[in-house]
């Protein structure tokens, strides 16, 4: 059984935002544990089929612990839920259109990063794997960077999809999304991937540089020391 991805957790957050108050608020007034049960069993069937019911129920409960306002918010109508979802879908469409521009410009890593953003905006909008497969067919095979081109200048704020600046490193690899300790630096160099979030070498391809004082990912320059 796999752990929940970021998009799984976004799906849970959206369901809680849209439906928690429908069960917890008047006139229904369900207790919290019953609200968790109904959200899990009636609105997250796809996730429970993939991960099992108990992990999803725990994730729903954890979300409501962190966001009790979802339980106390005013009830909303089906029309308001449809409007919310339409806005999420519109954001996903925007990112997919941006991804397509990078795709046609033969910039696969930027395209993949924007597909990730589209899925985070509205995880249930499309099967986003079809877009990733199309991009990956045009992505060059991974090859190690020339480590002699690397130096020890650190990049703190990294580009995500030029010209938009991105945050510090959030995870390593577009699919595995391995957690990265906050503040982990990136060494400037001639890496294949622009940022660790785009890296296709997240399976442990590393090398020592700078007289074997720094261990880096050879796909993106992430400091793995």
C-alpha atoms as a PDB file:
ATOM      1  CA  UNK A   1       0.000   0.000   0.000  1.00  0.00           C
ATOM      2  CA  UNK A   2       1.562   3.270  -1.106  1.00  0.00           C
ATOM      3  CA  UNK A   3       1.695   6.428   0.951  1.00  0.00           C
ATOM      4  CA  UNK A   4      -0.525   9.342   0.054  1.00  0.00           C
ATOM      5  CA  UNK A   5       0.808  11.744  -2.539  1.00  0.00           C
ATOM      6  CA  UNK A   6       0.503  15.507  -2.413  1.00  0.00           C
ATOM      7  CA  UNK A   7      -2.351  15.369  -4.930  1.00  0.00           C
ATOM      8  CA  UNK A   8      -4.157  12.758  -2.802  1.00  0.00           C
ATOM      9  CA  UNK A   9      -3.965  15.175   0.128  1.00  0.00           C
ATOM     10  CA  UNK A  10      -5.225  18.043  -2.037  1.00  0.00           C
ATOM     11  CA  UNK A  11      -8.193  15.879  -3.060  1.00  0.00           C
ATOM     12  CA  UNK A  12      -8.934  15.213   0.620  1.00  0.00           C
ATOM     13  CA  UNK A  13      -8.650  18.926   1.405  1.00  0.00           C
ATOM     14  CA  UNK A  14     -11.096  19.831  -1.366  1.00  0.00           C
ATOM     15  CA  UNK A  15     -13.627  17.242  -0.182  1.00  0.00           C
ATOM     16  CA  UNK A  16     -13.371  18.509   3.392  1.00  0.00           C
ATOM     17  CA  UNK A  17     -13.768  22.124   2.270  1.00  0.00           C
ATOM     18  CA  UNK A  18     -16.808  21.310   0.148  1.00  0.00           C
ATOM     19  CA  UNK A  19     -18.602  18.701   2.243  1.00  0.00           C
ATOM     20  CA  UNK A  20     -17.550  18.652   5.918  1.00  0.00           C
ATOM     21  CA  UNK A  21     -20.007  21.355   6.974  1.00  0.00           C
ATOM     22  CA  UNK A  22     -22.830  19.571   5.141  1.00  0.00           C
ATOM     23  CA  UNK A  23     -22.594  16.847   7.792  1.00  0.00           C
ATOM     24  CA  UNK A  24     -21.300  18.704  10.848  1.00  0.00           C
ATOM     25  CA  UNK A  25     -23.444  21.857  10.704  1.00  0.00           C
ATOM     26  CA  UNK A  26     -27.143  22.267  11.525  1.00  0.00           C
ATOM     27  CA  UNK A  27     -29.584  20.739  10.889  1.00  0.00           C
ATOM     28  CA  UNK A  28     -27.588  17.478  10.518  1.00  0.00           C
ATOM     29  CA  UNK A  29     -25.126  18.099  13.382  1.00  0.00           C
ATOM     30  CA  UNK A  30     -23.160  14.887  12.964  1.00  0.00           C
ATOM     31  CA  UNK A  31     -20.323  14.309  15.441  1.00  0.00           C
ATOM     32  CA  UNK A  32     -16.814  14.612  14.081  1.00  0.00           C
ATOM     33  CA  UNK A  33     -16.166  10.863  13.840  1.00  0.00           C
ATOM     34  CA  UNK A  34     -19.335  10.350  11.773  1.00  0.00           C
ATOM     35  CA  UNK A  35     -18.389  13.270   9.535  1.00  0.00           C
ATOM     36  CA  UNK A  36     -15.011  11.620   8.905  1.00  0.00           C
ATOM     37  CA  UNK A  37     -16.823   8.373   8.100  1.00  0.00           C
ATOM     38  CA  UNK A  38     -19.202   9.957   5.601  1.00  0.00           C
ATOM     39  CA  UNK A  39     -16.459  11.959   3.881  1.00  0.00           C
ATOM     40  CA  UNK A  40     -14.335   8.832   3.553  1.00  0.00           C
ATOM     41  CA  UNK A  41     -17.059   6.440   2.437  1.00  0.00           C
ATOM     42  CA  UNK A  42     -19.166   8.688   0.212  1.00  0.00           C
ATOM     43  CA  UNK A  43     -16.763  11.216  -1.336  1.00  0.00           C
ATOM     44  CA  UNK A  44     -13.343   9.589  -1.496  1.00  0.00           C
ATOM     45  CA  UNK A  45     -14.140   6.199  -3.007  1.00  0.00           C
ATOM     46  CA  UNK A  46     -11.331   6.378  -5.581  1.00  0.00           C
ATOM     47  CA  UNK A  47      -8.721   7.017  -2.898  1.00  0.00           C
ATOM     48  CA  UNK A  48     -10.054   4.305  -0.587  1.00  0.00           C
ATOM     49  CA  UNK A  49      -9.963   1.828  -3.482  1.00  0.00           C
ATOM     50  CA  UNK A  50      -6.313   2.718  -4.099  1.00  0.00           C
ATOM     51  CA  UNK A  51      -4.998   3.021  -0.550  1.00  0.00           C
ATOM     52  CA  UNK A  52      -7.529   1.284   1.686  1.00  0.00           C
ATOM     53  CA  UNK A  53     -10.190   2.837   3.877  1.00  0.00           C
ATOM     54  CA  UNK A  54      -8.230   3.262   7.106  1.00  0.00           C
ATOM     55  CA  UNK A  55      -5.371   5.408   5.697  1.00  0.00           C
ATOM     56  CA  UNK A  56      -7.892   7.701   4.035  1.00  0.00           C
ATOM     57  CA  UNK A  57     -10.010   7.995   7.164  1.00  0.00           C
ATOM     58  CA  UNK A  58      -6.884   8.874   9.166  1.00  0.00           C
ATOM     59  CA  UNK A  59      -5.890  11.469   6.575  1.00  0.00           C
ATOM     60  CA  UNK A  60      -9.370  13.027   6.645  1.00  0.00           C
ATOM     61  CA  UNK A  61      -9.275  13.170  10.439  1.00  0.00           C
ATOM     62  CA  UNK A  62      -5.792  14.710  10.369  1.00  0.00           C
ATOM     63  CA  UNK A  63      -6.929  17.338   7.876  1.00  0.00           C
ATOM     64  CA  UNK A  64      -9.909  18.281  10.028  1.00  0.00           C
ATOM     65  CA  UNK A  65      -7.647  18.482  13.079  1.00  0.00           C
ATOM     66  CA  UNK A  66      -5.451  20.943  11.206  1.00  0.00           C
ATOM     67  CA  UNK A  67      -8.405  22.808   9.636  1.00  0.00           C
ATOM     68  CA  UNK A  68     -11.317  22.812  12.130  1.00  0.00           C
ATOM     69  CA  UNK A  69     -12.819  25.728  10.207  1.00  0.00           C
ATOM     70  CA  UNK A  70     -13.987  23.205   7.593  1.00  0.00           C
ATOM     71  CA  UNK A  71     -16.303  21.743  10.248  1.00  0.00           C
ATOM     72  CA  UNK A  72     -17.658  25.086  11.413  1.00  0.00           C
ATOM     73  CA  UNK A  73     -17.960  26.842   8.059  1.00  0.00           C
ATOM     74  CA  UNK A  74     -21.454  27.692   6.762  1.00  0.00           C
ATOM     75  CA  UNK A  75     -23.147  24.999   4.682  1.00  0.00           C
ATOM     76  CA  UNK A  76     -22.906  25.630   0.959  1.00  0.00           C
ATOM     77  CA  UNK A  77     -25.234  24.658  -1.871  1.00  0.00           C
ATOM     78  CA  UNK A  78     -24.569  22.220  -4.708  1.00  0.00           C
ATOM     79  CA  UNK A  79     -24.352  25.216  -7.013  1.00  0.00           C
ATOM     80  CA  UNK A  80     -21.593  26.727  -4.879  1.00  0.00           C
ATOM     81  CA  UNK A  81     -19.729  23.421  -4.913  1.00  0.00           C
ATOM     82  CA  UNK A  82     -19.957  23.302  -8.700  1.00  0.00           C
ATOM     83  CA  UNK A  83     -18.646  26.870  -8.879  1.00  0.00           C
ATOM     84  CA  UNK A  84     -15.694  26.007  -6.649  1.00  0.00           C
ATOM     85  CA  UNK A  85     -14.864  22.981  -8.765  1.00  0.00           C
ATOM     86  CA  UNK A  86     -15.171  24.981 -11.971  1.00  0.00           C
ATOM     87  CA  UNK A  87     -12.643  27.475 -10.600  1.00  0.00           C
ATOM     88  CA  UNK A  88     -10.238  24.674  -9.699  1.00  0.00           C
ATOM     89  CA  UNK A  89     -10.645  23.149 -13.154  1.00  0.00           C
ATOM     90  CA  UNK A  90     -10.040  26.545 -14.782  1.00  0.00           C
ATOM     91  CA  UNK A  91      -6.766  26.881 -12.876  1.00  0.00           C
ATOM     92  CA  UNK A  92      -5.758  23.418 -14.056  1.00  0.00           C
ATOM     93  CA  UNK A  93      -6.571  24.335 -17.657  1.00  0.00           C
ATOM     94  CA  UNK A  94      -4.427  27.466 -17.345  1.00  0.00           C
ATOM     95  CA  UNK A  95      -1.423  25.451 -16.187  1.00  0.00           C
ATOM     96  CA  UNK A  96      -1.960  22.822 -18.885  1.00  0.00           C
ATOM     97  CA  UNK A  97      -1.999  25.512 -21.556  1.00  0.00           C
ATOM     98  CA  UNK A  98       1.265  26.898 -20.170  1.00  0.00           C
ATOM     99  CA  UNK A  99       2.683  23.369 -20.095  1.00  0.00           C
ATOM    100  CA  UNK A 100       1.744  22.890 -23.749  1.00  0.00           C
ATOM    101  CA  UNK A 101       3.704  25.991 -24.734  1.00  0.00           C
ATOM    102  CA  UNK A 102       6.789  24.553 -23.053  1.00  0.00           C
ATOM    103  CA  UNK A 103       6.093  21.177 -24.643  1.00  0.00           C
ATOM    104  CA  UNK A 104       6.030  22.652 -28.141  1.00  0.00           C
ATOM    105  CA  UNK A 105       9.219  24.590 -27.322  1.00  0.00           C
ATOM    106  CA  UNK A 106      10.963  21.306 -26.393  1.00  0.00           C
ATOM    107  CA  UNK A 107      11.269  22.300 -22.739  1.00  0.00           C
ATOM    108  CA  UNK A 108      10.112  19.064 -21.093  1.00  0.00           C
ATOM    109  CA  UNK A 109      11.067  19.814 -17.495  1.00  0.00           C
ATOM    110  CA  UNK A 110       9.151  23.080 -17.464  1.00  0.00           C
ATOM    111  CA  UNK A 111       6.191  21.298 -19.074  1.00  0.00           C
ATOM    112  CA  UNK A 112       6.255  18.535 -16.449  1.00  0.00           C
ATOM    113  CA  UNK A 113       6.458  21.047 -13.610  1.00  0.00           C
ATOM    114  CA  UNK A 114       3.372  22.846 -14.909  1.00  0.00           C
ATOM    115  CA  UNK A 115       1.487  19.577 -15.335  1.00  0.00           C
ATOM    116  CA  UNK A 116       2.278  18.937 -11.666  1.00  0.00           C
ATOM    117  CA  UNK A 117       0.817  22.357 -10.836  1.00  0.00           C
ATOM    118  CA  UNK A 118      -2.300  21.595 -12.882  1.00  0.00           C
ATOM    119  CA  UNK A 119      -2.854  18.361 -10.985  1.00  0.00           C
ATOM    120  CA  UNK A 120      -2.363  20.124  -7.660  1.00  0.00           C
ATOM    121  CA  UNK A 121      -4.964  22.731  -8.678  1.00  0.00           C
ATOM    122  CA  UNK A 122      -7.623  20.141  -9.520  1.00  0.00           C
ATOM    123  CA  UNK A 123      -6.535  16.521  -9.016  1.00  0.00           C
ATOM    124  CA  UNK A 124      -9.825  15.064 -10.245  1.00  0.00           C
ATOM    125  CA  UNK A 125     -10.055  17.163 -13.429  1.00  0.00           C
ATOM    126  CA  UNK A 126      -8.180  14.822 -15.780  1.00  0.00           C
ATOM    127  CA  UNK A 127      -5.956  11.780 -15.933  1.00  0.00           C
ATOM    128  CA  UNK A 128      -2.781  13.853 -15.868  1.00  0.00           C
ATOM    129  CA  UNK A 129      -0.565  10.845 -16.565  1.00  0.00           C
ATOM    130  CA  UNK A 130      -1.543  11.064 -20.242  1.00  0.00           C
ATOM    131  CA  UNK A 131       0.057  14.511 -20.462  1.00  0.00           C
ATOM    132  CA  UNK A 132       3.179  13.342 -18.635  1.00  0.00           C
ATOM    133  CA  UNK A 133       3.556  10.394 -21.007  1.00  0.00           C
ATOM    134  CA  UNK A 134       3.312  12.706 -24.010  1.00  0.00           C
ATOM    135  CA  UNK A 135       6.043  14.957 -22.586  1.00  0.00           C
ATOM    136  CA  UNK A 136       8.263  12.064 -21.534  1.00  0.00           C
ATOM    137  CA  UNK A 137       8.236  10.697 -25.088  1.00  0.00           C
ATOM    138  CA  UNK A 138      10.027  13.916 -26.083  1.00  0.00           C
ATOM    139  CA  UNK A 139      12.323  13.992 -23.031  1.00  0.00           C
ATOM    140  CA  UNK A 140      15.959  13.080 -23.698  1.00  0.00           C
ATOM    141  CA  UNK A 141      17.292  10.039 -21.900  1.00  0.00           C
ATOM    142  CA  UNK A 142      18.975  10.817 -18.610  1.00  0.00           C
ATOM    143  CA  UNK A 143      22.721  11.291 -18.754  1.00  0.00           C
ATOM    144  CA  UNK A 144      25.117  12.291 -16.026  1.00  0.00           C
ATOM    145  CA  UNK A 145      26.241  15.885 -15.890  1.00  0.00           C
ATOM    146  CA  UNK A 146      29.868  16.754 -16.495  1.00  0.00           C
ATOM    147  CA  UNK A 147      30.920  17.118 -12.896  1.00  0.00           C
ATOM    148  CA  UNK A 148      33.968  19.171 -13.824  1.00  0.00           C
ATOM    149  CA  UNK A 149      31.538  21.973 -14.688  1.00  0.00           C
ATOM    150  CA  UNK A 150      30.104  22.032 -11.171  1.00  0.00           C
ATOM    151  CA  UNK A 151      31.116  24.539  -8.565  1.00  0.00           C
ATOM    152  CA  UNK A 152      30.041  25.219  -5.015  1.00  0.00           C
ATOM    153  CA  UNK A 153      27.906  28.287  -5.526  1.00  0.00           C
ATOM    154  CA  UNK A 154      24.516  27.630  -3.980  1.00  0.00           C
ATOM    155  CA  UNK A 155      21.151  28.424  -5.506  1.00  0.00           C
ATOM    156  CA  UNK A 156      18.696  29.466  -2.796  1.00  0.00           C
ATOM    157  CA  UNK A 157      15.638  30.603  -4.761  1.00  0.00           C
ATOM    158  CA  UNK A 158      15.244  28.487  -7.860  1.00  0.00           C
ATOM    159  CA  UNK A 159      13.379  28.942 -11.152  1.00  0.00           C
ATOM    160  CA  UNK A 160      10.340  26.752 -11.653  1.00  0.00           C
ATOM    161  CA  UNK A 161       9.030  27.715 -15.079  1.00  0.00           C
ATOM    162  CA  UNK A 162      10.912  30.676 -16.470  1.00  0.00           C
ATOM    163  CA  UNK A 163      10.314  33.592 -15.972  1.00  0.00           C
ATOM    164  CA  UNK A 164       8.341  32.752 -12.805  1.00  0.00           C
ATOM    165  CA  UNK A 165      10.499  32.329  -9.699  1.00  0.00           C
ATOM    166  CA  UNK A 166       9.954  29.252  -7.621  1.00  0.00           C
ATOM    167  CA  UNK A 167      10.309  28.471  -3.922  1.00  0.00           C
ATOM    168  CA  UNK A 168      13.240  26.728  -2.254  1.00  0.00           C
ATOM    169  CA  UNK A 169      13.398  22.974  -2.782  1.00  0.00           C
ATOM    170  CA  UNK A 170      10.115  21.297  -1.853  1.00  0.00           C
ATOM    171  CA  UNK A 171      10.756  17.707  -2.988  1.00  0.00           C
ATOM    172  CA  UNK A 172      13.048  15.632  -5.189  1.00  0.00           C
ATOM    173  CA  UNK A 173      11.727  14.139  -8.410  1.00  0.00           C
ATOM    174  CA  UNK A 174       8.511  14.812 -10.301  1.00  0.00           C
ATOM    175  CA  UNK A 175       6.932  11.417  -9.564  1.00  0.00           C
ATOM    176  CA  UNK A 176       8.503   9.988  -6.418  1.00  0.00           C
ATOM    177  CA  UNK A 177       8.464  13.417  -4.754  1.00  0.00           C
ATOM    178  CA  UNK A 178      10.914  12.373  -2.063  1.00  0.00           C
ATOM    179  CA  UNK A 179      10.823  14.685   0.922  1.00  0.00           C
ATOM    180  CA  UNK A 180      13.736  17.117   1.163  1.00  0.00           C
ATOM    181  CA  UNK A 181      14.874  18.553   4.477  1.00  0.00           C
ATOM    182  CA  UNK A 182      14.005  22.291   4.574  1.00  0.00           C
ATOM    183  CA  UNK A 183      16.956  24.437   3.589  1.00  0.00           C
ATOM    184  CA  UNK A 184      18.777  21.707   1.651  1.00  0.00           C
ATOM    185  CA  UNK A 185      21.008  23.629  -0.808  1.00  0.00           C
ATOM    186  CA  UNK A 186      21.491  23.051  -4.519  1.00  0.00           C
ATOM    187  CA  UNK A 187      24.927  23.302  -6.111  1.00  0.00           C
ATOM    188  CA  UNK A 188      25.099  25.296  -9.314  1.00  0.00           C
ATOM    189  CA  UNK A 189      26.288  23.252 -12.253  1.00  0.00           C
ATOM    190  CA  UNK A 190      25.515  21.857 -15.668  1.00  0.00           C
ATOM    191  CA  UNK A 191      22.758  19.579 -14.387  1.00  0.00           C
ATOM    192  CA  UNK A 192      20.159  18.000 -16.630  1.00  0.00           C
ATOM    193  CA  UNK A 193      17.218  19.228 -14.535  1.00  0.00           C
ATOM    194  CA  UNK A 194      16.736  22.918 -13.752  1.00  0.00           C
ATOM    195  CA  UNK A 195      15.499  22.212 -10.222  1.00  0.00           C
ATOM    196  CA  UNK A 196      15.219  19.116  -7.981  1.00  0.00           C
ATOM    197  CA  UNK A 197      11.437  19.000  -8.474  1.00  0.00           C
ATOM    198  CA  UNK A 198      12.060  18.174 -12.160  1.00  0.00           C
ATOM    199  CA  UNK A 199      14.780  15.606 -11.538  1.00  0.00           C
ATOM    200  CA  UNK A 200      14.533  12.192 -13.195  1.00  0.00           C
ATOM    201  CA  UNK A 201      17.536  10.823 -11.292  1.00  0.00           C
ATOM    202  CA  UNK A 202      15.753  10.541  -7.953  1.00  0.00           C
ATOM    203  CA  UNK A 203      16.755   6.887  -7.629  1.00  0.00           C
ATOM    204  CA  UNK A 204      20.124   7.630  -6.057  1.00  0.00           C
ATOM    205  CA  UNK A 205      22.468   8.681  -8.878  1.00  0.00           C
ATOM    206  CA  UNK A 206      24.975  10.691  -6.876  1.00  0.00           C
ATOM    207  CA  UNK A 207      28.642  11.668  -7.031  1.00  0.00           C
ATOM    208  CA  UNK A 208      31.189  13.339  -4.774  1.00  0.00           C
ATOM    209  CA  UNK A 209      32.565  16.717  -5.875  1.00  0.00           C
ATOM    210  CA  UNK A 210      34.868  19.389  -4.433  1.00  0.00           C
ATOM    211  CA  UNK A 211      37.569  16.948  -3.316  1.00  0.00           C
ATOM    212  CA  UNK A 212      34.911  14.525  -2.044  1.00  0.00           C
ATOM    213  CA  UNK A 213      33.470  17.008   0.426  1.00  0.00           C
ATOM    214  CA  UNK A 214      29.985  17.337  -1.089  1.00  0.00           C
ATOM    215  CA  UNK A 215      27.745  14.527  -2.371  1.00  0.00           C
ATOM    216  CA  UNK A 216      25.338  15.758  -5.037  1.00  0.00           C
ATOM    217  CA  UNK A 217      22.556  14.313  -7.152  1.00  0.00           C
ATOM    218  CA  UNK A 218      23.968  14.180 -10.673  1.00  0.00           C
ATOM    219  CA  UNK A 219      20.597  15.019 -12.153  1.00  0.00           C
ATOM    220  CA  UNK A 220      19.969  18.360 -10.450  1.00  0.00           C
ATOM    221  CA  UNK A 221      22.808  19.262  -8.050  1.00  0.00           C
ATOM    222  CA  UNK A 222      20.826  18.703  -4.846  1.00  0.00           C
ATOM    223  CA  UNK A 223      23.204  18.498  -1.897  1.00  0.00           C
ATOM    224  CA  UNK A 224      22.850  14.925  -0.602  1.00  0.00           C
ATOM    225  CA  UNK A 225      25.796  15.017   1.802  1.00  0.00           C
END
